[in-house]
PDB file of N, CA and C in Angstrom:
ATOM      1  N   MET A   1       0.848  -1.160   0.000  1.00  0.00           N
ATOM      2  CA  MET A   1       0.000   0.000   0.000  1.00  0.00           C
ATOM      3  C   MET A   1       0.903   1.236   0.000  1.00  0.00           C
ATOM      4  N   LYS A   2       0.673   2.123  -0.925  1.00  0.00           N
ATOM      5  CA  LYS A   2       1.471   3.334  -1.022  1.00  0.00           C
ATOM      6  C   LYS A   2       0.885   4.428  -0.148  1.00  0.00           C
ATOM      7  N   GLU A   3       1.777   5.188   0.441  1.00  0.00           N
ATOM      8  CA  GLU A   3       1.349   6.348   1.220  1.00  0.00           C
ATOM      9  C   GLU A   3       1.252   7.537   0.275  1.00  0.00           C
ATOM     10  N   THR A   4       0.277   8.334   0.484  1.00  0.00           N
ATOM     11  CA  THR A   4       0.122   9.531  -0.343  1.00  0.00           C
ATOM     12  C   THR A   4       1.011  10.637   0.200  1.00  0.00           C
ATOM     13  N   PRO A   5       1.520  11.519  -0.663  1.00  0.00           N
ATOM     14  CA  PRO A   5       2.382  12.608  -0.186  1.00  0.00           C
ATOM     15  C   PRO A   5       1.683  13.538   0.794  1.00  0.00           C
ATOM     16  N   GLU A   6       0.362  13.582   0.739  1.00  0.00           N
ATOM     17  CA  GLU A   6      -0.362  14.454   1.664  1.00  0.00           C
ATOM     18  C   GLU A   6      -0.178  14.001   3.112  1.00  0.00           C
ATOM     19  N   LYS A   7      -0.070  12.692   3.327  1.00  0.00           N
ATOM     20  CA  LYS A   7       0.087  12.181   4.687  1.00  0.00           C
ATOM     21  C   LYS A   7       1.485  12.458   5.238  1.00  0.00           C
ATOM     22  N   HIS A   8       2.493  12.407   4.375  1.00  0.00           N
ATOM     23  CA  HIS A   8       3.883  12.600   4.786  1.00  0.00           C
ATOM     24  C   HIS A   8       4.551  13.572   3.818  1.00  0.00           C
ATOM     25  N   PRO A   9       4.322  14.862   3.966  1.00  0.00           N
ATOM     26  CA  PRO A   9       4.851  15.818   2.988  1.00  0.00           C
ATOM     27  C   PRO A   9       6.373  15.929   2.989  1.00  0.00           C
ATOM     28  N   LYS A  10       7.046  15.620   4.123  1.00  0.00           N
ATOM     29  CA  LYS A  10       8.504  15.748   4.186  1.00  0.00           C
ATOM     30  C   LYS A  10       9.230  14.481   3.736  1.00  0.00           C
ATOM     31  N   PHE A  11       8.510  13.408   3.479  1.00  0.00           N
ATOM     32  CA  PHE A  11       9.138  12.138   3.112  1.00  0.00           C
ATOM     33  C   PHE A  11       9.501  12.135   1.633  1.00  0.00           C
ATOM     34  N   ASP A  12      10.761  11.864   1.348  1.00  0.00           N
ATOM     35  CA  ASP A  12      11.227  11.752  -0.035  1.00  0.00           C
ATOM     36  C   ASP A  12      11.854  10.365  -0.215  1.00  0.00           C
ATOM     37  N   PRO A  13      11.194   9.459  -0.941  1.00  0.00           N
ATOM     38  CA  PRO A  13      11.729   8.099  -1.068  1.00  0.00           C
ATOM     39  C   PRO A  13      13.072   8.030  -1.785  1.00  0.00           C
ATOM     40  N   GLU A  14      13.411   9.058  -2.567  1.00  0.00           N
ATOM     41  CA  GLU A  14      14.694   9.058  -3.284  1.00  0.00           C
ATOM     42  C   GLU A  14      15.871   9.289  -2.341  1.00  0.00           C
ATOM     43  N   THR A  15      15.661  10.041  -1.280  1.00  0.00           N
ATOM     44  CA  THR A  15      16.768  10.361  -0.375  1.00  0.00           C
ATOM     45  C   THR A  15      16.665   9.661   0.971  1.00  0.00           C
ATOM     46  N   TYR A  16      15.633   8.861   1.181  1.00  0.00           N
ATOM     47  CA  TYR A  16      15.444   8.188   2.462  1.00  0.00           C
ATOM     48  C   TYR A  16      16.490   7.104   2.663  1.00  0.00           C
ATOM     49  N   THR A  17      17.082   7.055   3.847  1.00  0.00           N
ATOM     50  CA  THR A  17      17.993   5.978   4.197  1.00  0.00           C
ATOM     51  C   THR A  17      17.528   5.380   5.524  1.00  0.00           C
ATOM     52  N   ASP A  18      17.561   4.082   5.590  1.00  0.00           N
ATOM     53  CA  ASP A  18      17.155   3.372   6.795  1.00  0.00           C
ATOM     54  C   ASP A  18      18.319   3.389   7.784  1.00  0.00           C
ATOM     55  N   PRO A  19      18.117   3.918   8.993  1.00  0.00           N
ATOM     56  CA  PRO A  19      19.221   3.999   9.954  1.00  0.00           C
ATOM     57  C   PRO A  19      19.785   2.633  10.335  1.00  0.00           C
ATOM     58  N   ILE A  20      18.951   1.614  10.371  1.00  0.00           N
ATOM     59  CA  ILE A  20      19.435   0.278  10.713  1.00  0.00           C
ATOM     60  C   ILE A  20      20.340  -0.259   9.615  1.00  0.00           C
ATOM     61  N   LEU A  21      19.918  -0.077   8.353  1.00  0.00           N
ATOM     62  CA  LEU A  21      20.767  -0.514   7.246  1.00  0.00           C
ATOM     63  C   LEU A  21      22.068   0.271   7.190  1.00  0.00           C
ATOM     64  N   GLU A  22      22.000   1.556   7.472  1.00  0.00           N
ATOM     65  CA  GLU A  22      23.219   2.367   7.488  1.00  0.00           C
ATOM     66  C   GLU A  22      24.202   1.846   8.526  1.00  0.00           C
ATOM     67  N   GLU A  23      23.709   1.454   9.691  1.00  0.00           N
ATOM     68  CA  GLU A  23      24.573   0.894  10.735  1.00  0.00           C
ATOM     69  C   GLU A  23      25.178  -0.437  10.274  1.00  0.00           C
ATOM     70  N   CYS A  24      24.385  -1.272   9.613  1.00  0.00           N
ATOM     71  CA  CYS A  24      24.892  -2.544   9.083  1.00  0.00           C
ATOM     72  C   CYS A  24      25.988  -2.307   8.050  1.00  0.00           C
ATOM     73  N   TYR A  25      25.774  -1.346   7.153  1.00  0.00           N
ATOM     74  CA  TYR A  25      26.778  -1.025   6.135  1.00  0.00           C
ATOM     75  C   TYR A  25      28.060  -0.506   6.783  1.00  0.00           C
ATOM     76  N   ARG A  26      27.932   0.308   7.858  1.00  0.00           N
ATOM     77  CA  ARG A  26      29.100   0.838   8.537  1.00  0.00           C
ATOM     78  C   ARG A  26      29.903  -0.288   9.182  1.00  0.00           C
ATOM     79  N   ILE A  27      29.209  -1.221   9.840  1.00  0.00           N
ATOM     80  CA  ILE A  27      29.881  -2.351  10.483  1.00  0.00           C
ATOM     81  C   ILE A  27      30.561  -3.229   9.440  1.00  0.00           C
ATOM     82  N   LYS A  28      29.882  -3.468   8.335  1.00  0.00           N
ATOM     83  CA  LYS A  28      30.466  -4.273   7.247  1.00  0.00           C
ATOM     84  C   LYS A  28      31.735  -3.615   6.715  1.00  0.00           C
ATOM     85  N   ALA A  29      31.715  -2.305   6.544  1.00  0.00           N
ATOM     86  CA  ALA A  29      32.894  -1.599   6.042  1.00  0.00           C
ATOM     87  C   ALA A  29      34.049  -1.690   7.043  1.00  0.00           C
ATOM     88  N   GLU A  30      33.764  -1.585   8.340  1.00  0.00           N
ATOM     89  CA  GLU A  30      34.811  -1.712   9.351  1.00  0.00           C
ATOM     90  C   GLU A  30      35.438  -3.094   9.341  1.00  0.00           C
ATOM     91  N   ILE A  31      34.599  -4.127   9.237  1.00  0.00           N
ATOM     92  CA  ILE A  31      35.109  -5.500   9.211  1.00  0.00           C
ATOM     93  C   ILE A  31      35.934  -5.724   7.951  1.00  0.00           C
ATOM     94  N   SER A  32      35.456  -5.223   6.813  1.00  0.00           N
ATOM     95  CA  SER A  32      36.180  -5.385   5.555  1.00  0.00           C
ATOM     96  C   SER A  32      37.526  -4.674   5.596  1.00  0.00           C
ATOM     97  N   ALA A  33      37.597  -3.533   6.276  1.00  0.00           N
ATOM     98  CA  ALA A  33      38.860  -2.800   6.373  1.00  0.00           C
ATOM     99  C   ALA A  33      39.852  -3.522   7.274  1.00  0.00           C
ATOM    100  N   GLN A  34      39.349  -4.229   8.279  1.00  0.00           N
ATOM    101  CA  GLN A  34      40.228  -4.889   9.238  1.00  0.00           C
ATOM    102  C   GLN A  34      40.726  -6.242   8.739  1.00  0.00           C
ATOM    103  N   PHE A  35      39.922  -6.980   7.988  1.00  0.00           N
ATOM    104  CA  PHE A  35      40.284  -8.327   7.542  1.00  0.00           C
ATOM    105  C   PHE A  35      40.323  -8.380   6.022  1.00  0.00           C
ATOM    106  N   LYS A  36      41.337  -9.064   5.488  1.00  0.00           N
ATOM    107  CA  LYS A  36      41.508  -9.118   4.031  1.00  0.00           C
ATOM    108  C   LYS A  36      40.584 -10.118   3.344  1.00  0.00           C
ATOM    109  N   ASN A  37      40.189 -11.179   4.063  1.00  0.00           N
ATOM    110  CA  ASN A  37      39.309 -12.183   3.465  1.00  0.00           C
ATOM    111  C   ASN A  37      38.457 -12.824   4.562  1.00  0.00           C
ATOM    112  N   PRO A  38      37.416 -13.566   4.185  1.00  0.00           N
ATOM    113  CA  PRO A  38      36.544 -14.193   5.189  1.00  0.00           C
ATOM    114  C   PRO A  38      37.282 -15.187   6.085  1.00  0.00           C
ATOM    115  N   GLY A  39      38.338 -15.830   5.562  1.00  0.00           N
ATOM    116  CA  GLY A  39      39.099 -16.783   6.363  1.00  0.00           C
ATOM    117  C   GLY A  39      39.766 -16.128   7.555  1.00  0.00           C
ATOM    118  N   GLU A  40      40.311 -14.926   7.355  1.00  0.00           N
ATOM    119  CA  GLU A  40      40.923 -14.198   8.462  1.00  0.00           C
ATOM    120  C   GLU A  40      39.873 -13.825   9.512  1.00  0.00           C
ATOM    121  N   TYR A  41      38.717 -13.403   9.065  1.00  0.00           N
ATOM    122  CA  TYR A  41      37.645 -13.023   9.985  1.00  0.00           C
ATOM    123  C   TYR A  41      37.168 -14.239  10.775  1.00  0.00           C
ATOM    124  N   TYR A  42      37.048 -15.378  10.091  1.00  0.00           N
ATOM    125  CA  TYR A  42      36.637 -16.623  10.747  1.00  0.00           C
ATOM    126  C   TYR A  42      37.662 -17.017  11.815  1.00  0.00           C
ATOM    127  N   ALA A  43      38.942 -16.935  11.472  1.00  0.00           N
ATOM    128  CA  ALA A  43      40.006 -17.281  12.431  1.00  0.00           C
ATOM    129  C   ALA A  43      39.951 -16.347  13.642  1.00  0.00           C
ATOM    130  N   TYR A  44      39.686 -15.060  13.399  1.00  0.00           N
ATOM    131  CA  TYR A  44      39.567 -14.099  14.497  1.00  0.00           C
ATOM    132  C   TYR A  44      38.404 -14.480  15.412  1.00  0.00           C
ATOM    133  N   LEU A  45      37.257 -14.814  14.831  1.00  0.00           N
ATOM    134  CA  LEU A  45      36.092 -15.181  15.637  1.00  0.00           C
ATOM    135  C   LEU A  45      36.343 -16.460  16.432  1.00  0.00           C
ATOM    136  N   LYS A  46      37.015 -17.443  15.811  1.00  0.00           N
ATOM    137  CA  LYS A  46      37.342 -18.681  16.523  1.00  0.00           C
ATOM    138  C   LYS A  46      38.290 -18.401  17.686  1.00  0.00           C
ATOM    139  N   ALA A  47      39.270 -17.526  17.479  1.00  0.00           N
ATOM    140  CA  ALA A  47      40.199 -17.181  18.547  1.00  0.00           C
ATOM    141  C   ALA A  47      39.470 -16.488  19.694  1.00  0.00           C
ATOM    142  N   MET A  48      38.535 -15.611  19.358  1.00  0.00           N
ATOM    143  CA  MET A  48      37.748 -14.937  20.395  1.00  0.00           C
ATOM    144  C   MET A  48      36.896 -15.944  21.162  1.00  0.00           C
ATOM    145  N   GLN A  49      36.340 -16.916  20.445  1.00  0.00           N
ATOM    146  CA  GLN A  49      35.524 -17.944  21.090  1.00  0.00           C
ATOM    147  C   GLN A  49      36.383 -18.789  22.035  1.00  0.00           C
ATOM    148  N   GLU A  50      37.576 -19.158  21.597  1.00  0.00           N
ATOM    149  CA  GLU A  50      38.478 -19.943  22.447  1.00  0.00           C
ATOM    150  C   GLU A  50      38.888 -19.148  23.689  1.00  0.00           C
ATOM    151  N   GLU A  51      39.134 -17.851  23.513  1.00  0.00           N
ATOM    152  CA  GLU A  51      39.486 -17.016  24.654  1.00  0.00           C
ATOM    153  C   GLU A  51      38.322 -16.935  25.647  1.00  0.00           C
ATOM    154  N   ASP A  52      37.104 -16.802  25.119  1.00  0.00           N
ATOM    155  CA  ASP A  52      35.933 -16.782  25.998  1.00  0.00           C
ATOM    156  C   ASP A  52      35.787 -18.089  26.757  1.00  0.00           C
ATOM    157  N   LYS A  53      36.037 -19.208  26.096  1.00  0.00           N
ATOM    158  CA  LYS A  53      35.951 -20.513  26.771  1.00  0.00           C
ATOM    159  C   LYS A  53      36.983 -20.607  27.893  1.00  0.00           C
ATOM    160  N   ARG A  54      38.197 -20.099  27.650  1.00  0.00           N
ATOM    161  CA  ARG A  54      39.227 -20.105  28.695  1.00  0.00           C
ATOM    162  C   ARG A  54      38.821 -19.223  29.874  1.00  0.00           C
ATOM    163  N   ASN A  55      38.045 -18.177  29.592  1.00  0.00           N
ATOM    164  CA  ASN A  55      37.589 -17.268  30.650  1.00  0.00           C
ATOM    165  C   ASN A  55      36.302 -17.748  31.313  1.00  0.00           C
ATOM    166  N   GLY A  56      35.797 -18.916  30.909  1.00  0.00           N
ATOM    167  CA  GLY A  56      34.642 -19.495  31.571  1.00  0.00           C
ATOM    168  C   GLY A  56      33.297 -19.226  30.929  1.00  0.00           C
ATOM    169  N   VAL A  57      33.275 -18.623  29.756  1.00  0.00           N
ATOM    170  CA  VAL A  57      32.006 -18.367  29.073  1.00  0.00           C
ATOM    171  C   VAL A  57      31.504 -19.681  28.490  1.00  0.00           C
ATOM    172  N   LYS A  58      30.248 -20.000  28.734  1.00  0.00           N
ATOM    173  CA  LYS A  58      29.662 -21.243  28.246  1.00  0.00           C
ATOM    174  C   LYS A  58      28.919 -20.987  26.942  1.00  0.00           C
ATOM    175  N   TYR A  59      29.101 -21.862  25.979  1.00  0.00           N
ATOM    176  CA  TYR A  59      28.395 -21.796  24.707  1.00  0.00           C
ATOM    177  C   TYR A  59      27.407 -22.947  24.646  1.00  0.00           C
ATOM    178  N   VAL A  60      26.212 -22.660  24.190  1.00  0.00           N
ATOM    179  CA  VAL A  60      25.161 -23.665  24.101  1.00  0.00           C
ATOM    180  C   VAL A  60      24.819 -23.870  22.632  1.00  0.00           C
ATOM    181  N   SER A  61      24.800 -25.120  22.211  1.00  0.00           N
ATOM    182  CA  SER A  61      24.385 -25.437  20.853  1.00  0.00           C
ATOM    183  C   SER A  61      22.903 -25.757  20.861  1.00  0.00           C
ATOM    184  N   TYR A  62      22.168 -25.083  20.004  1.00  0.00           N
ATOM    185  CA  TYR A  62      20.729 -25.324  19.941  1.00  0.00           C
ATOM    186  C   TYR A  62      20.386 -26.413  18.934  1.00  0.00           C
ATOM    187  N   TYR A  63      21.365 -26.862  18.185  1.00  0.00           N
ATOM    188  CA  TYR A  63      21.125 -27.887  17.175  1.00  0.00           C
ATOM    189  C   TYR A  63      21.309 -29.260  17.795  1.00  0.00           C
ATOM    190  N   ASP A  64      20.298 -30.093  17.711  1.00  0.00           N
ATOM    191  CA  ASP A  64      20.361 -31.460  18.217  1.00  0.00           C
ATOM    192  C   ASP A  64      19.965 -32.393  17.076  1.00  0.00           C
ATOM    193  N   PRO A  65      20.945 -33.055  16.421  1.00  0.00           N
ATOM    194  CA  PRO A  65      20.624 -33.893  15.265  1.00  0.00           C
ATOM    195  C   PRO A  65      19.705 -35.065  15.603  1.00  0.00           C
ATOM    196  N   SER A  66      19.691 -35.503  16.864  1.00  0.00           N
ATOM    197  CA  SER A  66      18.833 -36.636  17.220  1.00  0.00           C
ATOM    198  C   SER A  66      17.351 -36.257  17.190  1.00  0.00           C
ATOM    199  N   LYS A  67      17.050 -34.961  17.286  1.00  0.00           N
ATOM    200  CA  LYS A  67      15.657 -34.522  17.268  1.00  0.00           C
ATOM    201  C   LYS A  67      15.181 -34.134  15.867  1.00  0.00           C
ATOM    202  N   ARG A  68      16.037 -34.289  14.877  1.00  0.00           N
ATOM    203  CA  ARG A  68      15.669 -33.935  13.512  1.00  0.00           C
ATOM    204  C   ARG A  68      14.641 -34.928  12.989  1.00  0.00           C
ATOM    205  N   ILE A  69      13.562 -34.420  12.457  1.00  0.00           N
ATOM    206  CA  ILE A  69      12.512 -35.262  11.895  1.00  0.00           C
ATOM    207  C   ILE A  69      12.615 -35.174  10.376  1.00  0.00           C
ATOM    208  N   PRO A  70      12.844 -36.294   9.697  1.00  0.00           N
ATOM    209  CA  PRO A  70      12.956 -36.234   8.240  1.00  0.00           C
ATOM    210  C   PRO A  70      11.614 -35.832   7.616  1.00  0.00           C
ATOM    211  N   PRO A  71      11.655 -35.096   6.512  1.00  0.00           N
ATOM    212  CA  PRO A  71      10.406 -34.685   5.869  1.00  0.00           C
ATOM    213  C   PRO A  71       9.624 -35.889   5.367  1.00  0.00           C
ATOM    214  N   GLN A  72       8.330 -35.814   5.523  1.00  0.00           N
ATOM    215  CA  GLN A  72       7.455 -36.906   5.089  1.00  0.00           C
ATOM    216  C   GLN A  72       6.862 -36.562   3.729  1.00  0.00           C
ATOM    217  N   LYS A  73       6.739 -37.557   2.879  1.00  0.00           N
ATOM    218  CA  LYS A  73       6.082 -37.339   1.595  1.00  0.00           C
ATOM    219  C   LYS A  73       4.575 -37.385   1.821  1.00  0.00           C
ATOM    220  N   SER A  74       3.903 -36.455   1.194  1.00  0.00           N
ATOM    221  CA  SER A  74       2.440 -36.449   1.352  1.00  0.00           C
ATOM    222  C   SER A  74       1.820 -37.424   0.369  1.00  0.00           C
ATOM    223  N   ASP A  75       0.590 -37.821   0.662  1.00  0.00           N
ATOM    224  CA  ASP A  75      -0.135 -38.728  -0.218  1.00  0.00           C
ATOM    225  C   ASP A  75      -0.418 -38.086  -1.570  1.00  0.00           C
ATOM    226  N   ASP A  76      -0.559 -36.767  -1.595  1.00  0.00           N
ATOM    227  CA  ASP A  76      -0.835 -36.054  -2.847  1.00  0.00           C
ATOM    228  C   ASP A  76       0.301 -36.254  -3.841  1.00  0.00           C
ATOM    229  N   ASN A  77       1.539 -36.225  -3.372  1.00  0.00           N
ATOM    230  CA  ASN A  77       2.673 -36.402  -4.276  1.00  0.00           C
ATOM    231  C   ASN A  77       2.688 -37.802  -4.881  1.00  0.00           C
ATOM    232  N   GLU A  78       2.329 -38.806  -4.099  1.00  0.00           N
ATOM    233  CA  GLU A  78       2.324 -40.170  -4.605  1.00  0.00           C
ATOM    234  C   GLU A  78       1.215 -40.362  -5.634  1.00  0.00           C
ATOM    235  N   LYS A  79       0.056 -39.738  -5.420  1.00  0.00           N
ATOM    236  CA  LYS A  79      -1.056 -39.861  -6.371  1.00  0.00           C
ATOM    237  C   LYS A  79      -0.749 -39.164  -7.686  1.00  0.00           C
ATOM    238  N   ASN A  80      -0.052 -38.027  -7.611  1.00  0.00           N
ATOM    239  CA  ASN A  80       0.262 -37.268  -8.830  1.00  0.00           C
ATOM    240  C   ASN A  80       1.333 -37.945  -9.672  1.00  0.00           C
ATOM    241  N   THR A  81       2.190 -38.741  -9.058  1.00  0.00           N
ATOM    242  CA  THR A  81       3.263 -39.392  -9.811  1.00  0.00           C
ATOM    243  C   THR A  81       2.809 -40.683 -10.449  1.00  0.00           C
ATOM    244  N   GLN A  82       1.667 -41.212 -10.037  1.00  0.00           N
ATOM    245  CA  GLN A  82       1.205 -42.492 -10.592  1.00  0.00           C
ATOM    246  C   GLN A  82       0.377 -42.301 -11.813  1.00  0.00           C
TER     247      GLN A  82
END
């Protein structure tokens, strides 16, 4: 649904910038300036994680492969293929 200019006379969609996206772009630029490739950034994050573990920070994995339920085929798919 489009907003009419009468409701928001100061809004200009050509010059509007989302503050959240601007912050994301700024953070991305800082990370890109500090690390030459994704491998360096990954190594940095792993080192930080190891340091946190040495300092007693606990990490919890929310992924439990034993609770994974395989997708079931519906009866509709079997009827359409026959």
